[in-house]
Amino acid sequence: MGQFTVLIASLAFLITFTNCGEYDFTVEVPAGKFQCFFQPVDLTKHKTLEVDYQVIDGGDLNINFMILHGANILKQDQLKVDGSHRIELNQPGDYQVCFDNSFSYQSRKVVFFEIFLFDAHGNLDENDLSAMARTDADLSAKMNELGVTIDEFHRRANGIKNNLNKVEYHQALLRAHEARDRAVMSANFDRVTFWSVVHTLVMVGVAGVQVFMIRSLFEENSKIGKVLRKGKFD
């Protein structure tokens, strides 16, 4: 049973220690800037590229988006808050994921985006290291006696890993939505606070002017009072 436990731990390590085709980033695009991020593609492994993005902070929460290959524009959005694009890959090389904030003069934008690379079967690309494992005939025989096979274990473990990847993706998406909602709430709070203070100061100023002018009407030596009384009596 000790060997069986070691084998399970080794397979779990091999499944975890993979270079998955799933990447997520949170970047800041300064005002008036155009930024691109490069993703290399190997057509022997990668067949589909998917990019999801959303603006979570800054200005009106909008940005221009492009996917480029060389000088060719494959996908493009104008002044969008979020978006999702999937393209079929037919050329190798570096694909560019670009965010354009050049239309904004003051507001920087914080963007959360994810890149997915899928193989021909629609699975996330990964480097499977299970081929490096050694086969033990005695251990395989003992596992068969227990009704357990390495292939079945590997299939179930991969299923669990794929489900965990989906959970991680949705959690990242929810975190991004939460960050965007928090940014909107904070911006609204700052705007309401600013205009509330302005209106309060205006009201206090107007009240002060009114009190001063009324007092001036009853002061004989007040120049403003003389002007007001003169206009009134004329």
Protein backbone atom coordinates (compact mmCIF):
# COMPACT_ATOMS: atom_id res chain seq x y z
CA MET A 1 0.00 0.00 0.00
CA GLY A 2 2.97 2.28 0.56
CA GLN A 3 3.95 2.05 -3.11
CA PHE A 4 0.36 2.77 -4.13
CA THR A 5 0.32 5.91 -1.96
CA VAL A 6 3.63 7.08 -3.44
CA LEU A 7 2.26 6.52 -6.94
CA ILE A 8 -0.88 8.56 -6.22
CA ALA A 9 1.23 11.39 -4.80
CA SER A 10 3.53 11.28 -7.84
CA LEU A 11 0.62 11.39 -10.28
CA ALA A 12 -0.95 14.27 -8.39
CA PHE A 13 2.36 16.13 -8.58
CA LEU A 14 2.64 15.46 -12.31
CA ILE A 15 -0.89 16.69 -12.90
CA THR A 16 -0.27 19.83 -10.86
CA PHE A 17 3.17 20.53 -12.31
CA THR A 18 1.99 21.44 -15.80
CA ASN A 19 2.31 24.54 -17.90
CA CYS A 20 -1.35 25.23 -18.62
CA GLY A 21 -2.52 27.43 -21.48
CA GLU A 22 -4.39 29.75 -19.10
CA TYR A 23 -3.00 33.10 -18.06
CA ASP A 24 -4.61 36.00 -16.19
CA PHE A 25 -3.22 39.49 -15.62
CA THR A 26 -4.25 42.78 -14.08
CA VAL A 27 -2.52 45.73 -15.76
CA GLU A 28 -2.69 49.51 -15.58
CA VAL A 29 -2.83 51.46 -18.84
CA PRO A 30 -1.81 55.11 -18.24
CA ALA A 31 -3.76 57.99 -19.76
CA GLY A 32 -2.87 58.61 -23.39
CA LYS A 33 -0.98 55.31 -23.75
CA PHE A 34 -1.25 52.25 -25.98
CA GLN A 35 0.03 48.98 -24.51
CA CYS A 36 0.40 45.51 -26.04
CA PHE A 37 1.13 42.10 -24.52
CA PHE A 38 2.57 39.25 -26.55
CA GLN A 39 1.44 35.63 -26.47
CA PRO A 40 3.53 33.07 -28.44
CA VAL A 41 1.57 30.39 -30.30
CA ASP A 42 2.72 26.93 -31.43
CA LEU A 43 0.34 25.50 -34.05
CA THR A 44 1.40 21.96 -33.22
CA LYS A 45 -0.32 22.41 -29.84
CA HIS A 46 -2.50 25.51 -30.05
CA LYS A 47 -5.60 25.62 -32.23
CA THR A 48 -7.78 28.25 -30.58
CA LEU A 49 -7.02 31.48 -28.70
CA GLU A 50 -9.56 33.10 -26.39
CA VAL A 51 -9.19 36.46 -24.65
CA ASP A 52 -11.57 37.81 -22.00
CA TYR A 53 -11.12 41.31 -20.55
CA GLN A 54 -12.87 43.93 -18.47
CA VAL A 55 -12.00 47.39 -17.19
CA ILE A 56 -12.26 47.37 -13.40
CA ASP A 57 -11.12 50.91 -12.52
CA GLY A 58 -10.48 54.32 -14.01
CA GLY A 59 -12.55 57.01 -15.71
CA ASP A 60 -15.72 55.79 -17.42
CA LEU A 61 -14.49 52.16 -17.29
CA ASN A 62 -14.01 51.89 -21.06
CA ILE A 63 -11.07 51.16 -23.33
CA ASN A 64 -10.20 50.26 -26.92
CA PHE A 65 -9.13 46.65 -27.48
CA MET A 66 -7.37 44.81 -30.31
CA ILE A 67 -5.87 41.42 -31.08
CA LEU A 68 -3.08 41.69 -33.64
CA HIS A 69 -0.90 39.26 -35.54
CA GLY A 70 1.86 41.22 -37.17
CA ALA A 71 0.16 44.19 -38.84
CA ASN A 72 -3.21 42.42 -39.16
CA ILE A 73 -6.06 43.36 -36.83
CA LEU A 74 -7.94 40.15 -35.98
CA LYS A 75 -10.40 41.51 -33.42
CA GLN A 76 -11.24 45.04 -32.32
CA ASP A 77 -13.51 46.80 -29.78
CA GLN A 78 -14.13 50.51 -29.37
CA LEU A 79 -14.78 52.07 -25.94
CA LYS A 80 -15.95 48.83 -24.34
CA VAL A 81 -16.21 48.01 -20.64
CA ASP A 82 -15.60 44.29 -21.22
CA GLY A 83 -15.44 41.75 -23.98
CA SER A 84 -14.67 38.17 -24.98
CA HIS A 85 -13.12 37.01 -28.25
CA ARG A 86 -12.19 33.58 -29.62
CA ILE A 87 -10.15 33.12 -32.79
CA GLU A 88 -9.05 30.04 -34.71
CA LEU A 89 -5.28 29.93 -35.03
CA ASN A 90 -3.85 29.34 -38.51
CA GLN A 91 -0.53 31.17 -38.27
CA PRO A 92 2.29 30.62 -35.75
CA GLY A 93 4.15 33.41 -34.02
CA ASP A 94 3.42 36.06 -31.43
CA TYR A 95 -0.13 37.35 -31.09
CA GLN A 96 -0.59 40.79 -29.54
CA VAL A 97 -3.30 41.67 -27.04
CA CYS A 98 -3.49 45.48 -27.06
CA PHE A 99 -5.29 48.06 -24.93
CA ASP A 100 -5.61 51.62 -26.22
CA ASN A 101 -6.22 54.41 -23.69
CA SER A 102 -4.92 57.19 -25.94
CA PHE A 103 -8.36 58.84 -26.06
CA SER A 104 -8.16 59.61 -22.32
CA TYR A 105 -6.14 62.65 -21.24
CA GLN A 106 -6.37 62.21 -17.46
CA SER A 107 -7.78 58.81 -16.43
CA ARG A 108 -5.66 55.71 -16.29
CA LYS A 109 -7.45 52.36 -16.71
CA VAL A 110 -6.98 49.15 -14.75
CA VAL A 111 -7.76 46.12 -16.91
CA PHE A 112 -8.15 42.48 -15.92
CA PHE A 113 -7.77 40.00 -18.78
CA GLU A 114 -7.31 36.28 -19.31
CA ILE A 115 -5.77 34.36 -22.20
CA PHE A 116 -6.71 30.74 -22.98
CA LEU A 117 -4.92 28.45 -25.43
CA PHE A 118 -6.92 25.39 -26.48
CA ASP A 119 -5.82 22.31 -28.38
CA ALA A 120 -7.71 20.59 -31.21
CA HIS A 121 -10.01 18.86 -28.69
CA GLY A 122 -10.95 22.08 -26.92
CA ASN A 123 -8.78 21.36 -23.88
CA LEU A 124 -6.36 23.79 -22.34
CA ASP A 125 -2.87 23.22 -23.67
CA GLU A 126 -0.47 21.79 -21.14
CA ASN A 127 2.83 19.95 -20.97
CA ASP A 128 1.94 16.51 -19.65
CA LEU A 129 4.83 15.06 -17.64
CA SER A 130 3.18 11.72 -16.99
CA ALA A 131 5.21 10.20 -19.84
CA MET A 132 8.28 10.54 -17.62
CA ALA A 133 6.82 8.08 -15.10
CA ARG A 134 8.26 4.55 -14.92
CA THR A 135 5.99 1.51 -15.21
CA ASP A 136 6.09 -1.03 -12.39
CA ALA A 137 4.56 -4.34 -13.49
CA ASP A 138 4.14 -5.65 -9.92
CA LEU A 139 2.47 -2.44 -8.78
CA SER A 140 0.16 -2.44 -11.82
CA ALA A 141 -0.83 -6.05 -11.04
CA LYS A 142 -1.61 -5.15 -7.42
CA MET A 143 -3.66 -2.16 -8.55
CA ASN A 144 -5.60 -4.35 -10.99
CA GLU A 145 -6.41 -6.70 -8.13
CA LEU A 146 -7.86 -3.72 -6.26
CA GLY A 147 -9.90 -2.73 -9.33
CA VAL A 148 -7.89 0.45 -9.89
CA THR A 149 -6.00 1.33 -13.08
CA ILE A 150 -3.53 4.13 -13.66
CA ASP A 151 -5.43 5.30 -16.75
CA GLU A 152 -8.69 5.51 -14.83
CA PHE A 153 -7.01 7.37 -11.98
CA HIS A 154 -5.34 9.74 -14.42
CA ARG A 155 -8.65 10.38 -16.22
CA ARG A 156 -10.49 11.14 -12.99
CA ALA A 157 -7.67 13.34 -11.69
CA ASN A 158 -7.65 15.30 -14.95
CA GLY A 159 -11.41 15.73 -14.65
CA ILE A 160 -10.98 17.13 -11.15
CA LYS A 161 -8.22 19.44 -12.38
CA ASN A 162 -10.39 20.74 -15.23
CA ASN A 163 -13.25 21.42 -12.82
CA LEU A 164 -10.88 23.27 -10.50
CA ASN A 165 -9.67 25.33 -13.46
CA LYS A 166 -13.28 26.29 -14.20
CA VAL A 167 -13.84 27.22 -10.56
CA GLU A 168 -10.66 29.33 -10.60
CA TYR A 169 -11.78 31.06 -13.79
CA HIS A 170 -15.20 31.96 -12.37
CA GLN A 171 -13.65 33.11 -9.10
CA ALA A 172 -11.25 35.38 -10.99
CA LEU A 173 -14.19 36.73 -13.00
CA LEU A 174 -16.19 37.40 -9.84
CA ARG A 175 -13.20 39.13 -8.25
CA ALA A 176 -12.88 41.35 -11.29
CA HIS A 177 -16.59 42.21 -11.19
CA GLU A 178 -16.31 42.96 -7.48
CA ALA A 179 -13.29 45.23 -8.06
CA ARG A 180 -15.14 47.06 -10.83
CA ASP A 181 -18.27 47.52 -8.69
CA ARG A 182 -16.12 48.75 -5.82
CA ALA A 183 -14.42 51.25 -8.13
CA VAL A 184 -17.79 52.51 -9.40
CA MET A 185 -19.11 52.80 -5.85
CA SER A 186 -16.00 54.68 -4.73
CA ALA A 187 -16.19 57.05 -7.70
CA ASN A 188 -19.87 57.74 -7.04
CA PHE A 189 -19.16 58.32 -3.35
CA ASP A 190 -16.36 60.79 -4.17
CA ARG A 191 -18.56 62.60 -6.69
CA VAL A 192 -21.51 62.90 -4.28
CA THR A 193 -19.21 64.05 -1.47
CA PHE A 194 -17.54 66.67 -3.66
CA TRP A 195 -20.78 68.21 -4.92
CA SER A 196 -22.35 68.05 -1.46
CA VAL A 197 -19.45 70.07 -0.06
CA VAL A 198 -19.67 72.54 -2.97
CA HIS A 199 -23.41 73.02 -2.49
CA THR A 200 -22.97 73.43 1.27
CA LEU A 201 -20.29 76.08 0.79
CA VAL A 202 -22.45 77.92 -1.77
CA MET A 203 -25.44 77.88 0.58
CA VAL A 204 -23.34 79.16 3.49
CA GLY A 205 -21.85 81.86 1.27
CA VAL A 206 -25.26 82.96 -0.02
CA ALA A 207 -26.62 83.03 3.53
CA GLY A 208 -23.67 85.16 4.66
CA VAL A 209 -24.16 87.61 1.80
CA GLN A 210 -27.86 87.91 2.57
CA VAL A 211 -27.20 88.59 6.27
CA PHE A 212 -24.57 91.19 5.37
CA MET A 213 -26.84 92.95 2.90
CA ILE A 214 -29.80 93.02 5.31
CA ARG A 215 -27.60 94.45 8.07
CA SER A 216 -26.29 97.06 5.64
CA LEU A 217 -29.83 98.32 5.06
CA PHE A 218 -30.08 99.32 8.71
CA GLU A 219 -26.61 100.86 9.06
CA GLU A 220 -26.53 104.58 8.20
CA ASN A 221 -22.78 104.69 7.52
CA SER A 222 -22.73 101.61 5.32
CA LYS A 223 -21.87 102.42 1.70
CA ILE A 224 -23.56 99.26 0.48
CA GLY A 225 -26.63 100.13 2.56
CA LYS A 226 -26.75 103.63 1.00
CA VAL A 227 -26.60 102.10 -2.48
CA LEU A 228 -29.34 99.61 -1.65
CA ARG A 229 -31.54 102.22 0.00
CA LYS A 230 -31.02 104.59 -2.88
CA GLY A 231 -32.08 101.99 -5.39
CA LYS A 232 -35.06 101.09 -3.28
CA PHE A 233 -36.34 104.64 -2.73
CA ASP A 234 -35.77 105.65 -6.34
